[in-house]
Protein backbone atom coordinates (compact mmCIF):
# COMPACT_ATOMS: atom_id res chain seq x y z
CA UNK A 1 0.02 0.00 0.09
CA UNK A 2 1.06 3.53 -0.64
CA UNK A 3 2.25 5.34 2.57
CA UNK A 4 -0.24 7.77 4.46
CA UNK A 5 -0.19 9.79 7.51
CA UNK A 6 -2.77 9.19 10.20
CA UNK A 7 -3.07 12.33 12.30
CA UNK A 8 -4.72 11.58 15.79
CA UNK A 9 -5.41 13.34 19.07
CA UNK A 10 -6.67 12.29 22.35
CA UNK A 11 -8.59 13.91 25.03
CA UNK A 12 -7.84 12.26 28.31
CA UNK A 13 -9.29 12.21 32.04
CA UNK A 14 -5.94 13.17 33.38
CA UNK A 15 -2.24 13.46 32.50
CA UNK A 16 -0.79 10.15 33.79
CA UNK A 17 -1.35 7.39 31.14
CA UNK A 18 -0.93 4.58 33.99
CA UNK A 19 -3.94 5.79 35.91
CA UNK A 20 -6.04 8.15 33.48
CA UNK A 21 -8.00 7.21 30.68
CA UNK A 22 -8.87 8.29 27.02
CA UNK A 23 -12.24 9.87 26.67
CA UNK A 24 -12.04 10.90 23.12
CA UNK A 25 -10.10 9.69 20.13
CA UNK A 26 -10.28 11.37 16.99
CA UNK A 27 -8.18 11.04 13.78
CA UNK A 28 -7.90 11.39 10.00
CA UNK A 29 -5.80 9.64 7.41
CA UNK A 30 -4.21 11.71 4.59
CA UNK A 31 -1.96 11.04 1.65
CA UNK A 32 1.38 12.35 1.90
CA UNK A 33 0.14 15.68 0.51
CA UNK A 34 -2.11 15.92 3.30
CA UNK A 35 -5.31 15.10 1.12
CA UNK A 36 -8.02 13.26 3.42
CA UNK A 37 -8.44 9.72 2.62
CA UNK A 38 -11.83 8.46 3.97
CA UNK A 39 -13.93 9.91 6.78
CA UNK A 40 -12.48 11.05 9.91
CA UNK A 41 -12.79 8.74 13.07
CA UNK A 42 -14.21 10.46 16.14
CA UNK A 43 -15.14 8.50 19.21
CA UNK A 44 -15.88 8.72 22.81
CA UNK A 45 -14.76 6.04 25.25
CA UNK A 46 -16.79 4.92 28.25
CA UNK A 47 -15.07 5.86 31.66
CA UNK A 48 -15.03 2.84 33.96
CA UNK A 49 -16.24 3.37 37.74
CA UNK A 50 -12.84 2.84 39.01
CA UNK A 51 -11.74 6.00 37.50
CA UNK A 52 -12.12 9.57 38.64
CA UNK A 53 -11.64 12.11 35.66
CA UNK A 54 -9.23 15.11 36.67
CA UNK A 55 -11.42 18.14 37.10
CA UNK A 56 -8.90 20.42 35.72
CA UNK A 57 -8.76 18.22 32.56
CA UNK A 58 -12.40 18.11 32.31
CA UNK A 59 -12.67 22.08 32.53
CA UNK A 60 -10.21 22.18 29.32
CA UNK A 61 -11.92 19.52 27.27
CA UNK A 62 -15.50 20.06 28.45
CA UNK A 63 -15.88 16.23 28.08
CA UNK A 64 -17.87 14.68 31.21
CA UNK A 65 -18.01 11.02 32.37
CA UNK A 66 -21.71 11.07 31.61
CA UNK A 67 -21.11 12.01 27.83
CA UNK A 68 -18.91 9.01 27.54
CA UNK A 69 -21.41 6.85 29.22
CA UNK A 70 -24.14 7.95 26.84
CA UNK A 71 -22.39 8.14 23.62
CA UNK A 72 -19.16 6.14 23.85
CA UNK A 73 -18.14 2.62 23.45
CA UNK A 74 -15.86 0.52 25.63
CA UNK A 75 -12.20 0.28 25.31
CA UNK A 76 -12.46 -3.27 23.86
CA UNK A 77 -15.04 -2.17 21.32
CA UNK A 78 -12.85 0.90 20.46
CA UNK A 79 -10.03 -1.30 19.80
CA UNK A 80 -11.92 -3.58 17.62
CA UNK A 81 -12.56 -0.53 15.39
CA UNK A 82 -9.00 0.76 15.74
CA UNK A 83 -7.50 -2.51 14.44
CA UNK A 84 -10.09 -2.90 11.80
CA UNK A 85 -10.39 0.70 10.39
CA UNK A 86 -7.45 2.66 11.34
CA UNK A 87 -4.32 0.35 11.49
CA UNK A 88 -3.18 -0.10 8.00
CA UNK A 89 0.22 -1.00 6.42
CA UNK A 90 2.64 1.69 5.97
CA UNK A 91 0.97 4.00 8.24
CA UNK A 92 2.97 7.06 9.68
CA UNK A 93 0.99 7.88 13.06
CA UNK A 94 1.55 11.49 14.14
CA UNK A 95 0.00 14.15 16.17
CA UNK A 96 1.18 17.38 18.15
CA UNK A 97 3.21 16.18 21.19
CA UNK A 98 1.94 12.91 20.47
CA UNK A 99 4.98 10.86 21.18
CA UNK A 100 5.33 12.11 24.90
CA UNK A 101 1.58 12.05 25.52
CA UNK A 102 -0.99 10.33 23.22
CA UNK A 103 1.35 7.44 22.20
CA UNK A 104 1.92 6.74 25.84
CA UNK A 105 -1.89 6.55 26.50
CA UNK A 106 -2.50 4.34 23.35
CA UNK A 107 0.34 2.00 24.64
CA UNK A 108 -1.32 1.71 28.19
CA UNK A 109 -4.63 1.15 26.39
CA UNK A 110 -3.59 -1.59 24.33
CA UNK A 111 -1.64 -3.23 27.07
CA UNK A 112 -4.80 -3.18 29.55
CA UNK A 113 -6.85 -4.96 26.79
CA UNK A 114 -4.48 -7.64 25.73
CA UNK A 115 -2.91 -6.38 22.60
CA UNK A 116 0.90 -5.46 21.81
CA UNK A 117 1.58 -2.20 22.98
CA UNK A 118 4.17 -1.54 20.44
CA UNK A 119 3.34 -3.19 17.35
CA UNK A 120 0.87 -0.63 15.76
CA UNK A 121 3.80 1.64 15.14
CA UNK A 122 6.67 -0.57 13.80
CA UNK A 123 4.90 -3.60 12.09
CA UNK A 124 3.85 -3.91 8.29
CA UNK A 125 5.86 -0.52 7.39
CA UNK A 126 4.24 1.43 10.12
CA UNK A 127 6.04 4.19 12.03
CA UNK A 128 5.48 7.28 14.14
CA UNK A 129 6.43 10.94 14.14
CA UNK A 130 5.50 14.10 16.12
CA UNK A 131 4.91 17.47 14.59
CA UNK A 132 5.73 19.34 17.75
CA UNK A 133 9.61 19.20 17.51
CA UNK A 134 9.18 19.80 13.78
CA UNK A 135 7.40 23.26 14.58
CA UNK A 136 10.15 23.83 16.80
CA UNK A 137 13.02 23.30 14.75
CA UNK A 138 11.61 25.09 11.78
CA UNK A 139 11.12 28.03 13.92
CA UNK A 140 14.55 27.92 15.11
CA UNK A 141 16.37 27.34 11.79
CA UNK A 142 14.14 27.93 8.99
CA UNK A 143 11.22 30.19 10.24
CA UNK A 144 10.70 32.23 7.01
CA UNK A 145 7.27 32.22 5.39
CA UNK A 146 5.37 31.27 8.65
CA UNK A 147 4.24 33.59 11.62
CA UNK A 148 5.41 32.69 15.07
CA UNK A 149 3.54 33.44 18.06
CA UNK A 150 4.63 34.52 21.56
CA UNK A 151 2.97 33.57 25.03
CA UNK A 152 1.33 35.92 27.49
CA UNK A 153 4.68 36.28 29.19
CA UNK A 154 6.50 37.51 26.08
CA UNK A 155 8.25 34.10 25.49
CA UNK A 156 8.24 32.26 22.32
CA UNK A 157 5.35 29.91 22.31
CA UNK A 158 4.57 26.96 19.90
CA UNK A 159 1.14 26.20 21.19
CA UNK A 160 -0.97 24.73 18.50
CA UNK A 161 -3.97 27.14 19.11
CA UNK A 162 -1.55 30.07 18.93
CA UNK A 163 0.35 28.92 15.76
CA UNK A 164 -3.10 28.23 14.11
CA UNK A 165 -4.69 31.66 15.11
CA UNK A 166 -1.55 33.70 14.00
CA UNK A 167 -1.41 31.96 10.66
CA UNK A 168 -5.06 32.28 9.90
CA UNK A 169 -5.41 28.44 10.09
CA UNK A 170 -8.94 26.89 10.99
CA UNK A 171 -8.84 25.89 14.77
CA UNK A 172 -12.60 26.20 16.09
CA UNK A 173 -13.21 24.65 19.33
CA UNK A 174 -9.50 24.20 20.42
CA UNK A 175 -9.12 21.06 22.86
CA UNK A 176 -11.64 19.07 20.79
CA UNK A 177 -9.75 16.07 19.59
CA UNK A 178 -10.89 16.10 15.92
CA UNK A 179 -10.49 20.02 15.73
CA UNK A 180 -6.87 19.57 16.89
CA UNK A 181 -6.42 17.02 14.35
CA UNK A 182 -7.54 19.14 11.78
CA UNK A 183 -5.30 21.96 12.95
CA UNK A 184 -2.26 19.66 12.96
CA UNK A 185 -2.81 18.68 9.32
CA UNK A 186 -3.15 22.42 8.45
CA UNK A 187 -0.03 23.33 10.23
CA UNK A 188 1.86 20.40 8.61
CA UNK A 189 1.01 21.40 5.30
CA UNK A 190 2.03 25.14 6.17
CA UNK A 191 5.34 23.88 7.29
CA UNK A 192 5.87 21.81 4.24
CA UNK A 193 4.79 24.52 1.76
CA UNK A 194 7.15 27.14 3.37
CA UNK A 195 10.12 24.82 4.38
CA UNK A 196 9.85 21.65 2.20
CA UNK A 197 13.51 20.65 2.53
CA UNK A 198 13.56 20.59 6.34
CA UNK A 199 10.30 18.95 6.40
CA UNK A 200 11.32 16.14 4.27
CA UNK A 201 14.60 15.69 6.06
CA UNK A 202 12.81 15.69 9.64
CA UNK A 203 10.45 13.02 8.01
CA UNK A 204 13.31 10.92 6.93
CA UNK A 205 15.21 11.26 9.91
CA UNK A 206 12.47 9.85 12.28
CA UNK A 207 13.85 6.33 11.69
CA UNK A 208 15.81 5.59 14.85
CA UNK A 209 18.56 3.94 13.09
CA UNK A 210 19.21 7.33 11.24
CA UNK A 211 19.12 9.24 14.35
CA UNK A 212 21.60 6.67 16.04
CA UNK A 213 23.96 7.14 13.17
CA UNK A 214 23.97 10.90 13.48
CA UNK A 215 24.35 11.15 17.18
CA UNK A 216 26.90 8.49 17.55
CA UNK A 217 28.95 9.80 14.51
CA UNK A 218 31.36 11.44 16.88
CA UNK A 219 30.66 14.99 15.83
CA UNK A 220 28.57 17.71 17.29
CA UNK A 221 24.81 18.04 15.91
CA UNK A 222 21.89 20.52 16.19
CA UNK A 223 19.18 19.35 18.80
CA UNK A 224 15.79 20.86 19.39
CA UNK A 225 14.02 19.61 22.26
CA UNK A 226 11.51 21.01 24.77
CA UNK A 227 14.01 20.61 27.51
CA UNK A 228 16.13 23.48 26.17
CA UNK A 229 15.11 27.27 26.97
CA UNK A 230 12.60 29.10 24.93
CA UNK A 231 14.82 32.16 24.62
CA UNK A 232 17.19 29.80 22.55
CA UNK A 233 14.27 28.68 20.59
CA UNK A 234 14.44 25.32 22.10
CA UNK A 235 17.60 24.48 20.00
CA UNK A 236 21.37 23.99 20.72
CA UNK A 237 24.42 22.22 19.56
CA UNK A 238 25.14 18.90 21.55
CA UNK A 239 27.46 15.86 21.34
CA UNK A 240 27.20 12.38 22.73
CA UNK A 241 29.22 11.67 26.09
CA UNK A 242 27.86 8.32 26.82
CA UNK A 243 25.54 5.50 25.94
CA UNK A 244 22.32 5.16 27.55
CA UNK A 245 20.83 1.52 26.53
CA UNK A 246 18.47 1.42 29.30
CA UNK A 247 16.51 4.47 27.72
CA UNK A 248 17.54 3.31 24.16
CA UNK A 249 19.75 6.37 23.61
CA UNK A 250 22.40 8.49 24.47
CA UNK A 251 23.54 11.13 26.95
CA UNK A 252 24.39 14.32 24.93
CA UNK A 253 26.11 17.35 26.42
CA UNK A 254 24.89 20.77 25.59
CA UNK A 255 27.82 22.37 24.19
CA UNK A 256 26.80 26.15 25.29
CA UNK A 257 28.27 25.04 28.75
CA UNK A 258 31.86 24.82 29.95
CA UNK A 259 32.09 21.31 31.17
CA UNK A 260 35.02 22.05 33.55
CA UNK A 261 32.66 22.72 36.47
CA UNK A 262 30.87 19.44 36.00
CA UNK A 263 34.20 17.54 36.02
CA UNK A 264 34.76 18.47 39.31
CA UNK A 265 31.83 16.58 40.81
CA UNK A 266 31.64 13.06 42.13
CA UNK A 267 29.05 10.69 40.73
CA UNK A 268 26.61 11.34 43.71
CA UNK A 269 27.04 14.93 43.11
CA UNK A 270 26.23 14.52 39.30
CA UNK A 271 23.10 12.66 40.35
CA UNK A 272 21.94 15.32 42.66
CA UNK A 273 22.37 18.00 39.96
CA UNK A 274 20.26 15.99 37.78
CA UNK A 275 17.80 15.20 40.27
CA UNK A 276 17.43 18.95 41.25
CA UNK A 277 17.58 20.24 37.66
CA UNK A 278 13.89 21.53 37.68
CA UNK A 279 14.02 22.80 41.35
CA UNK A 280 14.53 26.67 40.76
CA UNK A 281 14.81 27.43 44.65
CA UNK A 282 18.48 25.94 44.53
CA UNK A 283 21.17 28.04 43.64
CA UNK A 284 22.67 25.36 41.21
CA UNK A 285 23.67 25.93 37.61
CA UNK A 286 21.67 24.25 34.86
CA UNK A 287 22.48 20.64 34.10
CA UNK A 288 23.71 20.47 30.39
CA UNK A 289 23.27 16.90 29.95
CA UNK A 290 20.10 14.94 28.95
CA UNK A 291 19.15 11.63 27.56
CA UNK A 292 18.22 11.46 23.55
CA UNK A 293 15.98 8.63 23.00
CA UNK A 294 16.45 7.16 19.48
CA UNK A 295 13.14 5.93 19.28
CA UNK A 296 11.12 9.27 19.62
CA UNK A 297 11.95 10.92 16.53
CA UNK A 298 13.96 13.71 18.07
CA UNK A 299 14.69 16.73 15.88
CA UNK A 300 18.49 16.54 15.02
CA UNK A 301 20.48 17.67 12.27
CA UNK A 302 24.01 17.92 11.08
CA UNK A 303 25.80 21.44 11.97
CA UNK A 304 25.83 22.39 8.18
CA UNK A 305 22.04 23.41 8.76
CA UNK A 306 23.29 26.32 10.91
CA UNK A 307 23.52 29.52 8.85
CA UNK A 308 24.36 32.70 10.21
CA UNK A 309 21.05 33.89 10.65
CA UNK A 310 20.09 30.61 12.67
CA UNK A 311 22.96 31.21 14.87
CA UNK A 312 21.88 34.61 15.67
CA UNK A 313 18.24 33.58 16.11
CA UNK A 314 19.27 30.74 18.89
CA UNK A 315 21.90 32.98 20.25
CA UNK A 316 24.72 30.62 19.64
CA UNK A 317 28.39 31.54 19.70
CA UNK A 318 30.01 28.88 17.55
CA UNK A 319 33.55 29.89 19.15
CA UNK A 320 32.29 29.11 22.60
CA UNK A 321 30.79 25.67 21.33
CA UNK A 322 34.00 24.69 19.78
CA UNK A 323 35.93 25.71 22.78
CA UNK A 324 33.77 23.56 25.02
CA UNK A 325 34.10 20.67 22.61
CA UNK A 326 37.82 20.69 22.90
CA UNK A 327 37.47 20.81 26.63
CA UNK A 328 35.00 18.11 26.64
CA UNK A 329 37.64 16.07 24.69
CA UNK A 330 40.24 16.27 27.23
CA UNK A 331 37.64 14.92 30.07
CA UNK A 332 37.06 11.28 28.82
CA UNK A 333 36.12 10.13 32.24
CA UNK A 334 33.37 12.66 32.61
CA UNK A 335 31.30 10.42 30.07
CA UNK A 336 31.61 7.45 32.32
CA UNK A 337 30.62 9.36 35.37
CA UNK A 338 27.50 10.81 33.94
CA UNK A 339 26.44 7.27 32.91
CA UNK A 340 27.16 6.17 36.49
CA UNK A 341 24.84 8.97 37.74
CA UNK A 342 22.19 8.23 35.32
CA UNK A 343 22.22 4.69 36.31
CA UNK A 344 21.99 5.63 40.05
CA UNK A 345 19.01 7.88 39.18
CA UNK A 346 17.28 5.01 37.23
CA UNK A 347 17.92 2.56 40.03
CA UNK A 348 16.07 5.02 42.39
CA UNK A 349 13.17 5.54 40.30
CA UNK A 350 12.71 1.93 39.76
CA UNK A 351 12.98 1.19 43.40
CA UNK A 352 10.26 4.00 44.11
CA UNK A 353 8.09 2.58 41.79
CA UNK A 354 8.38 -0.96 43.17
CA UNK A 355 7.55 0.39 46.60
CA UNK A 356 4.81 2.84 45.81
CA UNK A 357 3.16 1.41 42.81
CA UNK A 358 -0.37 2.82 43.40
CA UNK A 359 -1.38 2.17 39.94
CA UNK A 360 -1.12 -1.66 40.56
CA UNK A 361 -1.21 -3.81 37.39
CA UNK A 362 -2.60 -1.01 35.17
CA UNK A 363 0.67 0.82 35.65
CA UNK A 364 3.28 -2.00 35.02
CA UNK A 365 3.56 -1.86 31.06
CA UNK A 366 7.19 -1.00 31.35
CA UNK A 367 8.00 -3.71 33.88
CA UNK A 368 9.20 -5.77 30.98
CA UNK A 369 8.05 -6.97 27.54
CA UNK A 370 5.05 -9.29 27.80
CA UNK A 371 6.09 -12.92 27.21
CA UNK A 372 5.87 -14.12 23.57
CA UNK A 373 4.34 -17.53 24.88
CA UNK A 374 1.19 -15.45 25.85
CA UNK A 375 0.50 -14.04 22.22
CA UNK A 376 -2.09 -16.68 21.29
CA UNK A 377 -3.87 -16.41 24.61
CA UNK A 378 -3.90 -12.63 24.35
CA UNK A 379 -5.45 -12.83 20.88
CA UNK A 380 -8.02 -15.29 22.34
CA UNK A 381 -9.05 -12.89 25.01
CA UNK A 382 -9.84 -10.02 22.92
CA UNK A 383 -11.57 -12.42 20.08
CA UNK A 384 -13.66 -13.96 22.69
CA UNK A 385 -16.50 -11.12 23.16
CA UNK A 386 -18.88 -11.50 25.91
CA UNK A 387 -20.20 -15.16 25.70
CA UNK A 388 -16.85 -16.80 25.05
CA UNK A 389 -15.02 -14.63 27.67
CA UNK A 390 -17.03 -15.94 30.62
CA UNK A 391 -15.80 -19.45 30.04
CA UNK A 392 -12.36 -18.55 29.01
CA UNK A 393 -9.50 -19.70 31.25
CA UNK A 394 -6.24 -18.70 29.61
CA UNK A 395 -2.87 -19.99 31.22
CA UNK A 396 -0.67 -16.85 31.02
CA UNK A 397 3.01 -17.18 31.68
CA UNK A 398 3.07 -13.40 32.57
CA UNK A 399 1.44 -12.82 35.69
CA UNK A 400 0.50 -9.26 35.02
CA UNK A 401 -2.06 -10.80 32.32
CA UNK A 402 -3.74 -13.04 34.82
CA UNK A 403 -4.17 -9.79 37.01
CA UNK A 404 -5.55 -7.94 34.20
CA UNK A 405 -7.90 -10.39 33.22
CA UNK A 406 -10.56 -9.81 35.91
CA UNK A 407 -10.41 -6.11 35.29
CA UNK A 408 -10.73 -6.41 31.57
CA UNK A 409 -13.91 -8.41 32.29
CA UNK A 410 -15.39 -5.86 34.74
CA UNK A 411 -14.54 -2.66 32.54
CA UNK A 412 -15.57 -4.08 29.27
CA UNK A 413 -18.37 -6.71 29.97
CA UNK A 414 -19.71 -6.12 33.47
CA UNK A 415 -22.88 -8.17 32.70
CA UNK A 416 -21.00 -11.59 32.63
CA UNK A 417 -19.28 -11.29 36.02
CA UNK A 418 -20.10 -13.94 38.70
CA UNK A 419 -21.00 -12.84 42.02
CA UNK A 420 -17.57 -13.83 43.22
CA UNK A 421 -15.87 -11.86 40.46
CA UNK A 422 -18.16 -8.87 41.12
CA UNK A 423 -17.00 -8.92 44.72
CA UNK A 424 -13.44 -8.96 43.57
CA UNK A 425 -14.28 -5.95 41.28
CA UNK A 426 -15.84 -4.06 44.00
CA UNK A 427 -13.01 -4.59 46.36
CA UNK A 428 -10.59 -3.46 43.62
CA UNK A 429 -12.67 -0.36 43.33
CA UNK A 430 -12.98 0.30 47.15
CA UNK A 431 -9.10 -0.06 47.25
CA UNK A 432 -8.31 2.43 44.40
CA UNK A 433 -11.19 4.94 45.39
CA UNK A 434 -11.12 4.75 49.21
CA UNK A 435 -7.37 3.62 50.14
CA UNK A 436 -5.87 5.94 52.38
CA UNK A 437 -8.94 6.80 54.49
CA UNK A 438 -9.42 10.67 54.93
CA UNK A 439 -6.61 11.11 52.25
CA UNK A 440 -8.14 8.73 49.80
CA UNK A 441 -8.48 9.41 46.03
CA UNK A 442 -12.21 10.17 46.48
CA UNK A 443 -11.91 12.52 49.24
CA UNK A 444 -9.22 14.40 47.54
CA UNK A 445 -11.23 14.67 44.47
CA UNK A 446 -14.26 16.13 46.33
CA UNK A 447 -11.87 18.54 47.93
CA UNK A 448 -10.41 19.64 44.57
CA UNK A 449 -14.10 20.06 43.23
CA UNK A 450 -14.85 22.44 46.16
CA UNK A 451 -11.73 24.38 45.65
CA UNK A 452 -12.50 24.99 41.83
CA UNK A 453 -16.07 25.71 42.61
CA UNK A 454 -14.93 28.66 45.02
CA UNK A 455 -12.25 30.09 42.55
CA UNK A 456 -12.37 33.18 40.72
CA UNK A 457 -13.55 33.29 37.46
CA UNK A 458 -15.42 30.11 37.37
CA UNK A 459 -18.16 30.71 34.54
CA UNK A 460 -21.45 29.11 34.77
CA UNK A 461 -20.57 26.47 32.00
CA UNK A 462 -17.72 25.42 34.14
CA UNK A 463 -19.71 25.24 37.21
CA UNK A 464 -22.17 23.02 35.36
CA UNK A 465 -19.05 20.68 34.52
CA UNK A 466 -18.03 20.74 38.17
CA UNK A 467 -21.59 19.72 39.43
CA UNK A 468 -21.52 16.82 36.64
CA UNK A 469 -18.19 15.70 38.04
CA UNK A 470 -19.63 15.61 41.68
CA UNK A 471 -22.57 13.68 40.63
CA UNK A 472 -20.40 11.35 38.85
CA UNK A 473 -18.14 10.80 41.73
CA UNK A 474 -21.29 10.30 44.01
CA UNK A 475 -22.61 7.60 41.59
CA UNK A 476 -19.39 5.71 41.61
CA UNK A 477 -18.39 5.87 45.19
CA UNK A 478 -18.31 2.31 46.70
CA UNK A 479 -21.49 1.55 48.85
CA UNK A 480 -19.54 1.85 52.19
CA UNK A 481 -18.34 5.52 51.38
CA UNK A 482 -19.30 7.82 53.99
CA UNK A 483 -18.35 11.01 52.04
């Protein structure tokens, strides 16, 4: 089949893909010139009674749990549609900040429902991309022909709704998934029309093998990332200092910074600097090292793309960059120390996850790849339907799948539950919503609703949404709740 784009966007019940859920999925397939192919996909997905949607998220999207229950489908039904109608060979799945956000929600959705979480973006010639870093690099290196907005604080901003507004692109009803999809298509076309060489280059280098070849080539390269400051248009010149196999990437050093000060620190001090990098209350220099993941379509390019205008735009002094590169070359032990510091931090995070995994089995996608011996049993689960599922007894090798099965039944086919299974489900919901007593998830939820209701500027429409959320929370509260 001919290659095609599938632009997609999600509206979710919160920001953590382990605990929150997709409430709206929208997408549109286009050819490589952005001409629509077929009808758009636009579906609501039913929220299940073990999940409380984040009030702040609902105030943005306007999608209530009641709307999903009335007009939506179950996760199992949605995924049948997805695999029958959306997944096709040679599809490039993309969105605006989709790799860091939407893709993560899709992976957890697939995992919870007994599908391979990754196959949809690599099998049969499929791949993924993300327009956000494309927009960022275009602004930094080749901004001509496009108007670029600034936020209310005066800093450069690449928010989708601002880009579409300033360039006269249709984006009615921002934060509706389908509206955001159409806006992303329009912005993609604009960037390709005005800067076709950069657009095609970034499309081609989305492949992790090509990214790895550039980054590991031993030479500095241009790197655009949301981790870098807005005043420099999110762009710098970096160089690899160590491998980072755990994260399928490399540790790269921002050559704007003199490495001499870091070289004086111990591994523990380096780890501390990394740990505190976002704590603005500390009087600590910025940590000029980050993980570049080859499989996340990073916006990277050779130094040859940096013309004089680009250097001025991103406030880059090439003499400083070269001086820091030479200093770094004289500090070969720094890369190893940074790698050890990174391992130390990763170990701490893994231990914290194991000790405080409040998301239970739903949050264990990244605990390891699923056992390949379970492939047929997984297929049997989502192929069974309500009638077959009640009698199905798959013998999974991966204990996560065994733990997911009763949850899958309760969330998608509650009518087939036996009395015993229903008791297990209610015990699960009670633990999730009421665990912690006065500080339970449900108690905190009602507190947040009260705080928002009393805040300044709460319109009548938003008050309505908060009331709907209160009614929903009361409806799903376990029977012994005294709130």
